[in-house]
Amino acid sequence: MTSLDRTSAGTETSAARLYPWLPVVTTLATLATVLVLALTGNSTAAAAVAAAGAAAGGVQVTVHIRR
């Protein structure tokens, strides 16, 4: 006989709830940094930060939950 016990949805940790926001915050921080560097005349540094941000933003994590 199969058990019908389920873990309640309310046991999610705060870190797990904040995880989906991590790419958004990273992107906004990268854009703000590039903007400040570009406006202050550091175009080489702005390009380097933009490249690093694009590389970091290209990572995708997929989680498959087995039931």
N, C-alpha and C. Protein backbone atom coordinates (compact mmCIF):
# COMPACT_ATOMS: atom_id res chain seq x y z
N MET A 1 0.84 -1.17 0.00
CA MET A 1 0.00 0.00 0.00
C MET A 1 0.90 1.24 0.00
N THR A 2 0.53 2.22 -0.77
CA THR A 2 1.31 3.44 -0.90
C THR A 2 0.94 4.42 0.20
N SER A 3 1.95 5.03 0.77
CA SER A 3 1.70 6.02 1.82
C SER A 3 1.26 7.33 1.19
N LEU A 4 0.34 8.01 1.83
CA LEU A 4 -0.16 9.29 1.34
C LEU A 4 0.43 10.47 2.11
N ASP A 5 1.41 10.18 2.98
CA ASP A 5 2.03 11.25 3.75
C ASP A 5 2.80 12.18 2.83
N ARG A 6 2.60 13.48 3.01
CA ARG A 6 3.29 14.48 2.20
C ARG A 6 3.93 15.49 3.14
N THR A 7 5.06 16.03 2.71
CA THR A 7 5.70 17.10 3.46
C THR A 7 4.93 18.38 3.18
N SER A 8 4.63 19.12 4.22
CA SER A 8 3.85 20.35 4.01
C SER A 8 4.68 21.38 3.26
N ALA A 9 4.01 22.22 2.50
CA ALA A 9 4.69 23.24 1.72
C ALA A 9 5.27 24.34 2.61
N GLY A 10 4.85 24.42 3.84
CA GLY A 10 5.31 25.47 4.73
C GLY A 10 6.68 25.23 5.33
N THR A 11 7.34 24.13 5.01
CA THR A 11 8.64 23.84 5.60
C THR A 11 9.81 24.36 4.76
N GLU A 12 9.52 25.12 3.73
CA GLU A 12 10.56 25.63 2.85
C GLU A 12 11.42 26.64 3.61
N THR A 13 12.74 26.52 3.45
CA THR A 13 13.65 27.43 4.15
C THR A 13 13.67 28.79 3.47
N SER A 14 14.14 29.79 4.18
CA SER A 14 14.18 31.13 3.61
C SER A 14 15.16 31.20 2.44
N ALA A 15 16.24 30.43 2.50
CA ALA A 15 17.21 30.41 1.40
C ALA A 15 16.57 29.86 0.14
N ALA A 16 15.76 28.84 0.27
CA ALA A 16 15.10 28.25 -0.89
C ALA A 16 14.09 29.21 -1.49
N ARG A 17 13.44 30.02 -0.67
CA ARG A 17 12.49 31.00 -1.20
C ARG A 17 13.20 32.14 -1.90
N LEU A 18 14.41 32.48 -1.47
CA LEU A 18 15.14 33.59 -2.06
C LEU A 18 15.93 33.18 -3.30
N TYR A 19 16.13 31.90 -3.51
CA TYR A 19 16.94 31.43 -4.63
C TYR A 19 16.47 31.94 -5.99
N PRO A 20 15.17 31.94 -6.29
CA PRO A 20 14.75 32.44 -7.61
C PRO A 20 15.09 33.91 -7.85
N TRP A 21 15.30 34.68 -6.80
CA TRP A 21 15.63 36.09 -6.94
C TRP A 21 17.12 36.32 -7.19
N LEU A 22 17.94 35.31 -6.99
CA LEU A 22 19.39 35.47 -7.14
C LEU A 22 19.80 35.94 -8.54
N PRO A 23 19.29 35.36 -9.62
CA PRO A 23 19.67 35.86 -10.95
C PRO A 23 19.21 37.31 -11.19
N VAL A 24 18.06 37.66 -10.65
CA VAL A 24 17.54 39.02 -10.82
C VAL A 24 18.44 40.02 -10.12
N VAL A 25 18.81 39.72 -8.89
CA VAL A 25 19.67 40.62 -8.12
C VAL A 25 21.05 40.71 -8.76
N THR A 26 21.57 39.59 -9.22
CA THR A 26 22.88 39.59 -9.88
C THR A 26 22.86 40.43 -11.15
N THR A 27 21.81 40.29 -11.93
CA THR A 27 21.69 41.07 -13.16
C THR A 27 21.59 42.56 -12.87
N LEU A 28 20.76 42.93 -11.90
CA LEU A 28 20.62 44.35 -11.55
C LEU A 28 21.93 44.93 -11.01
N ALA A 29 22.64 44.17 -10.21
CA ALA A 29 23.92 44.65 -9.68
C ALA A 29 24.94 44.81 -10.80
N THR A 30 24.95 43.89 -11.74
CA THR A 30 25.87 43.99 -12.87
C THR A 30 25.54 45.20 -13.73
N LEU A 31 24.27 45.41 -14.02
CA LEU A 31 23.87 46.56 -14.83
C LEU A 31 24.21 47.88 -14.15
N ALA A 32 23.97 47.95 -12.84
CA ALA A 32 24.29 49.18 -12.11
C ALA A 32 25.80 49.43 -12.12
N THR A 33 26.58 48.40 -11.94
CA THR A 33 28.04 48.55 -11.94
C THR A 33 28.55 48.99 -13.31
N VAL A 34 28.02 48.39 -14.38
CA VAL A 34 28.42 48.76 -15.73
C VAL A 34 28.03 50.22 -16.01
N LEU A 35 26.85 50.61 -15.59
CA LEU A 35 26.40 51.98 -15.80
C LEU A 35 27.30 52.99 -15.09
N VAL A 36 27.62 52.72 -13.83
CA VAL A 36 28.49 53.63 -13.06
C VAL A 36 29.87 53.69 -13.70
N LEU A 37 30.42 52.56 -14.06
CA LEU A 37 31.75 52.56 -14.69
C LEU A 37 31.75 53.28 -16.02
N ALA A 38 30.70 53.10 -16.80
CA ALA A 38 30.63 53.76 -18.11
C ALA A 38 30.49 55.27 -17.94
N LEU A 39 29.69 55.71 -16.98
CA LEU A 39 29.48 57.14 -16.77
C LEU A 39 30.71 57.84 -16.17
N THR A 40 31.56 57.08 -15.50
CA THR A 40 32.77 57.68 -14.93
C THR A 40 33.97 57.56 -15.86
N GLY A 41 33.75 57.06 -17.08
CA GLY A 41 34.82 57.01 -18.06
C GLY A 41 35.67 55.76 -18.04
N ASN A 42 35.28 54.77 -17.32
CA ASN A 42 36.03 53.51 -17.26
C ASN A 42 35.41 52.49 -18.21
N SER A 43 35.51 52.75 -19.50
CA SER A 43 34.84 51.88 -20.47
C SER A 43 35.46 50.48 -20.52
N THR A 44 36.75 50.38 -20.31
CA THR A 44 37.40 49.06 -20.31
C THR A 44 36.90 48.21 -19.15
N ALA A 45 36.81 48.82 -17.98
CA ALA A 45 36.31 48.10 -16.80
C ALA A 45 34.83 47.76 -16.98
N ALA A 46 34.07 48.66 -17.57
CA ALA A 46 32.65 48.41 -17.81
C ALA A 46 32.47 47.22 -18.73
N ALA A 47 33.29 47.14 -19.78
CA ALA A 47 33.20 46.01 -20.70
C ALA A 47 33.57 44.70 -20.01
N ALA A 48 34.57 44.75 -19.13
CA ALA A 48 34.98 43.54 -18.42
C ALA A 48 33.88 43.06 -17.47
N VAL A 49 33.26 44.00 -16.77
CA VAL A 49 32.18 43.62 -15.85
C VAL A 49 30.98 43.11 -16.63
N ALA A 50 30.68 43.72 -17.77
CA ALA A 50 29.57 43.26 -18.59
C ALA A 50 29.81 41.84 -19.10
N ALA A 51 31.05 41.55 -19.49
CA ALA A 51 31.38 40.20 -19.96
C ALA A 51 31.26 39.18 -18.83
N ALA A 52 31.73 39.55 -17.65
CA ALA A 52 31.62 38.64 -16.50
C ALA A 52 30.16 38.42 -16.12
N GLY A 53 29.37 39.48 -16.17
CA GLY A 53 27.95 39.35 -15.86
C GLY A 53 27.22 38.49 -16.87
N ALA A 54 27.57 38.62 -18.14
CA ALA A 54 26.94 37.79 -19.17
C ALA A 54 27.31 36.32 -18.98
N ALA A 55 28.56 36.08 -18.59
CA ALA A 55 28.98 34.69 -18.36
C ALA A 55 28.26 34.10 -17.15
N ALA A 56 28.11 34.89 -16.10
CA ALA A 56 27.43 34.40 -14.88
C ALA A 56 25.95 34.22 -15.14
N GLY A 57 25.36 35.08 -15.95
CA GLY A 57 23.94 34.99 -16.24
C GLY A 57 23.59 33.84 -17.16
N GLY A 58 24.57 33.28 -17.81
CA GLY A 58 24.32 32.19 -18.74
C GLY A 58 24.19 30.84 -18.08
N VAL A 59 24.35 30.76 -16.78
CA VAL A 59 24.26 29.50 -16.07
C VAL A 59 22.80 29.22 -15.74
N GLN A 60 22.34 28.04 -16.08
CA GLN A 60 20.97 27.65 -15.79
C GLN A 60 20.99 26.37 -14.96
N VAL A 61 20.22 26.37 -13.90
CA VAL A 61 20.13 25.20 -13.03
C VAL A 61 18.73 24.63 -13.16
N THR A 62 18.64 23.35 -13.45
CA THR A 62 17.36 22.67 -13.57
C THR A 62 17.27 21.59 -12.48
N VAL A 63 16.17 21.60 -11.77
CA VAL A 63 15.96 20.62 -10.71
C VAL A 63 14.80 19.73 -11.11
N HIS A 64 15.03 18.42 -11.11
CA HIS A 64 13.99 17.46 -11.40
C HIS A 64 13.58 16.78 -10.10
N ILE A 65 12.33 16.90 -9.75
CA ILE A 65 11.83 16.31 -8.51
C ILE A 65 11.15 15.00 -8.84
N ARG A 66 11.61 13.94 -8.21
CA ARG A 66 10.99 12.63 -8.43
C ARG A 66 9.95 12.41 -7.36
N ARG A 67 8.85 11.90 -7.78
CA ARG A 67 7.79 11.62 -6.81
C ARG A 67 7.54 10.15 -6.71
